[in-house]
């Protein structure tokens, strides 16, 4: 379910990006916006999108960590530490 939500969000973002690029291209063709301004605008949108993607990924990671803590699920790091502890005692 989480994957579906994530993929839906990514798909929506990609579709929105395409639509914005199309509209910017139309404005550029009609002489209502300069090429440099269009490029700058698209770059700023892309940068903001990447920043937001990073924030969302971090929030998802935090939520998953909280769920794992609540359920008492061992992480890969926990298991590795346990293996090291057992190996050092042997």
N, C-alpha and C. Protein backbone atom coordinates (compact mmCIF):
# COMPACT_ATOMS: atom_id res chain seq x y z
N UNK A 1 0.82 -1.18 0.00
CA UNK A 1 0.00 0.00 0.00
C UNK A 1 0.87 1.26 0.00
N UNK A 2 1.92 1.26 0.80
CA UNK A 2 2.83 2.40 0.84
C UNK A 2 3.49 2.61 -0.52
N UNK A 3 3.86 1.50 -1.17
CA UNK A 3 4.46 1.61 -2.51
C UNK A 3 3.48 2.24 -3.48
N UNK A 4 2.21 1.82 -3.41
CA UNK A 4 1.20 2.37 -4.31
C UNK A 4 1.05 3.87 -4.13
N UNK A 5 1.05 4.31 -2.88
CA UNK A 5 0.92 5.74 -2.60
C UNK A 5 2.14 6.48 -3.14
N UNK A 6 3.32 5.92 -2.90
CA UNK A 6 4.56 6.54 -3.38
C UNK A 6 4.58 6.61 -4.89
N UNK A 7 4.23 5.51 -5.56
CA UNK A 7 4.23 5.49 -7.02
C UNK A 7 3.19 6.44 -7.60
N UNK A 8 2.05 6.55 -6.94
CA UNK A 8 1.02 7.48 -7.40
C UNK A 8 1.53 8.92 -7.30
N UNK A 9 2.19 9.23 -6.20
CA UNK A 9 2.75 10.56 -6.03
C UNK A 9 3.80 10.87 -7.06
N UNK A 10 4.67 9.91 -7.33
CA UNK A 10 5.73 10.10 -8.32
C UNK A 10 5.12 10.28 -9.71
N UNK A 11 4.11 9.47 -10.01
CA UNK A 11 3.44 9.59 -11.31
C UNK A 11 2.76 10.94 -11.48
N UNK A 12 2.12 11.39 -10.43
CA UNK A 12 1.45 12.70 -10.48
C UNK A 12 2.47 13.81 -10.66
N UNK A 13 3.59 13.71 -9.97
CA UNK A 13 4.64 14.72 -10.09
C UNK A 13 5.20 14.74 -11.51
N UNK A 14 5.41 13.56 -12.09
CA UNK A 14 5.94 13.49 -13.45
C UNK A 14 4.95 14.09 -14.44
N UNK A 15 3.68 13.80 -14.26
CA UNK A 15 2.64 14.34 -15.15
C UNK A 15 2.57 15.86 -15.01
N UNK A 16 2.63 16.33 -13.78
CA UNK A 16 2.60 17.78 -13.55
C UNK A 16 3.80 18.45 -14.19
N UNK A 17 4.97 17.82 -14.08
CA UNK A 17 6.18 18.38 -14.68
C UNK A 17 6.01 18.51 -16.19
N UNK A 18 5.47 17.45 -16.81
CA UNK A 18 5.26 17.48 -18.26
C UNK A 18 4.32 18.62 -18.65
N UNK A 19 3.24 18.77 -17.91
CA UNK A 19 2.26 19.82 -18.22
C UNK A 19 2.88 21.21 -18.06
N UNK A 20 3.65 21.40 -17.00
CA UNK A 20 4.30 22.70 -16.79
C UNK A 20 5.27 22.98 -17.92
N UNK A 21 6.05 21.97 -18.31
CA UNK A 21 7.01 22.15 -19.41
C UNK A 21 6.29 22.50 -20.71
N UNK A 22 5.15 21.86 -20.97
CA UNK A 22 4.37 22.16 -22.18
C UNK A 22 3.88 23.61 -22.16
N UNK A 23 3.37 24.04 -21.02
CA UNK A 23 2.85 25.41 -20.91
C UNK A 23 3.97 26.45 -21.04
N UNK A 24 5.12 26.15 -20.44
CA UNK A 24 6.27 27.05 -20.56
C UNK A 24 6.71 27.13 -22.02
N UNK A 25 6.71 25.99 -22.70
CA UNK A 25 7.12 25.97 -24.11
C UNK A 25 6.15 26.81 -24.96
N UNK A 26 4.86 26.71 -24.67
CA UNK A 26 3.86 27.51 -25.39
C UNK A 26 4.11 29.01 -25.16
N UNK A 27 4.36 29.37 -23.90
CA UNK A 27 4.62 30.78 -23.59
C UNK A 27 5.88 31.26 -24.31
N UNK A 28 6.87 30.37 -24.35
CA UNK A 28 8.13 30.71 -25.02
C UNK A 28 7.91 30.90 -26.51
N UNK A 29 7.13 30.00 -27.12
CA UNK A 29 6.86 30.07 -28.56
C UNK A 29 6.06 31.32 -28.91
N UNK A 30 5.18 31.73 -28.01
CA UNK A 30 4.37 32.91 -28.26
C UNK A 30 5.08 34.21 -27.88
N UNK A 31 6.33 34.08 -27.45
CA UNK A 31 7.12 35.26 -27.11
C UNK A 31 6.73 35.92 -25.80
N UNK A 32 6.00 35.19 -24.96
CA UNK A 32 5.56 35.77 -23.70
C UNK A 32 6.55 35.53 -22.56
N UNK A 33 7.54 34.71 -22.84
CA UNK A 33 8.58 34.45 -21.84
C UNK A 33 9.88 34.19 -22.59
N UNK A 34 10.98 34.66 -22.04
CA UNK A 34 12.29 34.47 -22.66
C UNK A 34 12.78 33.04 -22.39
N UNK A 35 13.60 32.55 -23.30
CA UNK A 35 14.16 31.21 -23.17
C UNK A 35 14.93 31.04 -21.86
N UNK A 36 15.75 32.04 -21.54
CA UNK A 36 16.52 31.97 -20.29
C UNK A 36 15.62 31.95 -19.07
N UNK A 37 14.56 32.74 -19.11
CA UNK A 37 13.61 32.76 -17.99
C UNK A 37 12.90 31.41 -17.87
N UNK A 38 12.54 30.84 -19.00
CA UNK A 38 11.87 29.53 -19.00
C UNK A 38 12.77 28.47 -18.40
N UNK A 39 14.04 28.46 -18.84
CA UNK A 39 14.99 27.47 -18.32
C UNK A 39 15.19 27.66 -16.82
N UNK A 40 15.34 28.90 -16.41
CA UNK A 40 15.55 29.20 -14.99
C UNK A 40 14.35 28.75 -14.16
N UNK A 41 13.17 29.02 -14.67
CA UNK A 41 11.94 28.62 -13.97
C UNK A 41 11.86 27.11 -13.84
N UNK A 42 12.13 26.40 -14.93
CA UNK A 42 12.06 24.93 -14.90
C UNK A 42 13.11 24.35 -13.96
N UNK A 43 14.31 24.94 -13.97
CA UNK A 43 15.36 24.47 -13.07
C UNK A 43 14.98 24.69 -11.61
N UNK A 44 14.36 25.82 -11.31
CA UNK A 44 13.97 26.09 -9.92
C UNK A 44 12.86 25.14 -9.48
N UNK A 45 11.94 24.82 -10.38
CA UNK A 45 10.88 23.87 -10.06
C UNK A 45 11.47 22.49 -9.81
N UNK A 46 12.41 22.09 -10.67
CA UNK A 46 13.04 20.78 -10.52
C UNK A 46 13.81 20.69 -9.20
N UNK A 47 14.53 21.75 -8.86
CA UNK A 47 15.29 21.78 -7.61
C UNK A 47 14.35 21.66 -6.42
N UNK A 48 13.28 22.43 -6.44
CA UNK A 48 12.30 22.39 -5.35
C UNK A 48 11.68 21.00 -5.25
N UNK A 49 11.40 20.39 -6.39
CA UNK A 49 10.82 19.04 -6.41
C UNK A 49 11.75 18.02 -5.78
N UNK A 50 13.03 18.12 -6.09
CA UNK A 50 14.00 17.19 -5.50
C UNK A 50 14.12 17.39 -4.00
N UNK A 51 14.08 18.65 -3.56
CA UNK A 51 14.14 18.94 -2.13
C UNK A 51 12.92 18.34 -1.42
N UNK A 52 11.75 18.51 -2.03
CA UNK A 52 10.53 17.96 -1.44
C UNK A 52 10.57 16.44 -1.43
N UNK A 53 11.10 15.84 -2.48
CA UNK A 53 11.22 14.39 -2.54
C UNK A 53 12.10 13.88 -1.40
N UNK A 54 13.21 14.56 -1.16
CA UNK A 54 14.10 14.19 -0.07
C UNK A 54 13.39 14.29 1.29
N UNK A 55 12.61 15.35 1.46
CA UNK A 55 11.88 15.52 2.71
C UNK A 55 10.86 14.40 2.91
N UNK A 56 10.14 14.06 1.84
CA UNK A 56 9.14 13.00 1.92
C UNK A 56 9.80 11.66 2.24
N UNK A 57 10.91 11.37 1.57
CA UNK A 57 11.62 10.12 1.84
C UNK A 57 12.06 10.04 3.30
N UNK A 58 12.56 11.15 3.84
CA UNK A 58 13.01 11.16 5.23
C UNK A 58 11.84 10.95 6.18
N UNK A 59 10.70 11.57 5.87
CA UNK A 59 9.51 11.40 6.72
C UNK A 59 9.03 9.95 6.68
N UNK A 60 9.09 9.33 5.51
CA UNK A 60 8.68 7.93 5.40
C UNK A 60 9.62 7.05 6.21
N UNK A 61 10.93 7.32 6.11
CA UNK A 61 11.90 6.55 6.89
C UNK A 61 11.64 6.69 8.39
N UNK A 62 11.37 7.92 8.83
CA UNK A 62 11.08 8.16 10.24
C UNK A 62 9.85 7.38 10.68
N UNK A 63 8.80 7.43 9.85
CA UNK A 63 7.56 6.73 10.20
C UNK A 63 7.80 5.23 10.28
N UNK A 64 8.58 4.70 9.34
CA UNK A 64 8.87 3.26 9.37
C UNK A 64 9.70 2.88 10.59
N UNK A 65 10.66 3.74 10.95
CA UNK A 65 11.45 3.48 12.16
C UNK A 65 10.56 3.44 13.40
N UNK A 66 9.63 4.39 13.48
CA UNK A 66 8.72 4.43 14.62
C UNK A 66 7.86 3.17 14.69
N UNK A 67 7.36 2.72 13.54
CA UNK A 67 6.54 1.51 13.50
C UNK A 67 7.38 0.31 13.92
N UNK A 68 8.60 0.23 13.41
CA UNK A 68 9.47 -0.89 13.77
C UNK A 68 9.77 -0.88 15.27
N UNK A 69 10.00 0.30 15.83
CA UNK A 69 10.26 0.41 17.27
C UNK A 69 9.04 -0.03 18.07
N UNK A 70 7.86 0.43 17.65
CA UNK A 70 6.63 0.07 18.36
C UNK A 70 6.36 -1.43 18.31
N UNK A 71 6.69 -2.04 17.18
CA UNK A 71 6.45 -3.48 17.02
C UNK A 71 7.59 -4.33 17.58
N UNK A 72 8.70 -3.67 17.91
CA UNK A 72 9.84 -4.41 18.45
C UNK A 72 10.58 -5.22 17.40
N UNK A 73 10.56 -4.75 16.17
CA UNK A 73 11.23 -5.45 15.07
C UNK A 73 12.70 -5.06 15.05
N UNK A 74 13.55 -6.08 14.99
CA UNK A 74 14.99 -5.84 14.94
C UNK A 74 15.39 -5.32 13.56
N UNK A 75 16.30 -4.38 13.57
CA UNK A 75 16.81 -3.86 12.30
C UNK A 75 18.02 -4.68 11.88
N UNK A 76 18.47 -4.47 10.66
CA UNK A 76 19.66 -5.14 10.17
C UNK A 76 20.86 -4.80 11.06
N UNK A 77 20.94 -3.54 11.47
CA UNK A 77 22.01 -3.09 12.35
C UNK A 77 21.96 -3.81 13.70
N UNK A 78 20.75 -3.99 14.24
CA UNK A 78 20.59 -4.71 15.51
C UNK A 78 21.11 -6.15 15.39
N UNK A 79 20.78 -6.80 14.30
CA UNK A 79 21.20 -8.18 14.08
C UNK A 79 22.71 -8.27 13.92
N UNK A 80 23.29 -7.35 13.17
CA UNK A 80 24.75 -7.34 12.99
C UNK A 80 25.47 -7.14 14.33
N UNK A 81 24.93 -6.22 15.14
CA UNK A 81 25.53 -5.97 16.45
C UNK A 81 25.45 -7.21 17.33
N UNK A 82 24.32 -7.88 17.28
CA UNK A 82 24.15 -9.12 18.05
C UNK A 82 25.14 -10.18 17.60
N UNK A 83 25.33 -10.29 16.27
CA UNK A 83 26.30 -11.26 15.74
C UNK A 83 27.70 -10.94 16.23
N UNK A 84 28.05 -9.65 16.21
CA UNK A 84 29.39 -9.23 16.68
C UNK A 84 29.56 -9.54 18.17
N UNK A 85 28.52 -9.25 18.95
CA UNK A 85 28.58 -9.52 20.38
C UNK A 85 28.75 -11.01 20.66
N UNK A 86 28.02 -11.83 19.92
CA UNK A 86 28.11 -13.28 20.09
C UNK A 86 29.49 -13.80 19.66
N UNK A 87 30.00 -13.24 18.56
CA UNK A 87 31.31 -13.67 18.06
C UNK A 87 32.43 -13.30 19.05
N UNK A 88 32.29 -12.14 19.69
CA UNK A 88 33.34 -11.72 20.62
C UNK A 88 33.31 -12.52 21.92
N UNK A 89 32.17 -13.09 22.25
CA UNK A 89 32.04 -13.90 23.47
C UNK A 89 32.45 -15.34 23.25
N UNK A 90 32.53 -15.74 22.00
CA UNK A 90 32.85 -17.14 21.69
C UNK A 90 34.31 -17.44 21.74
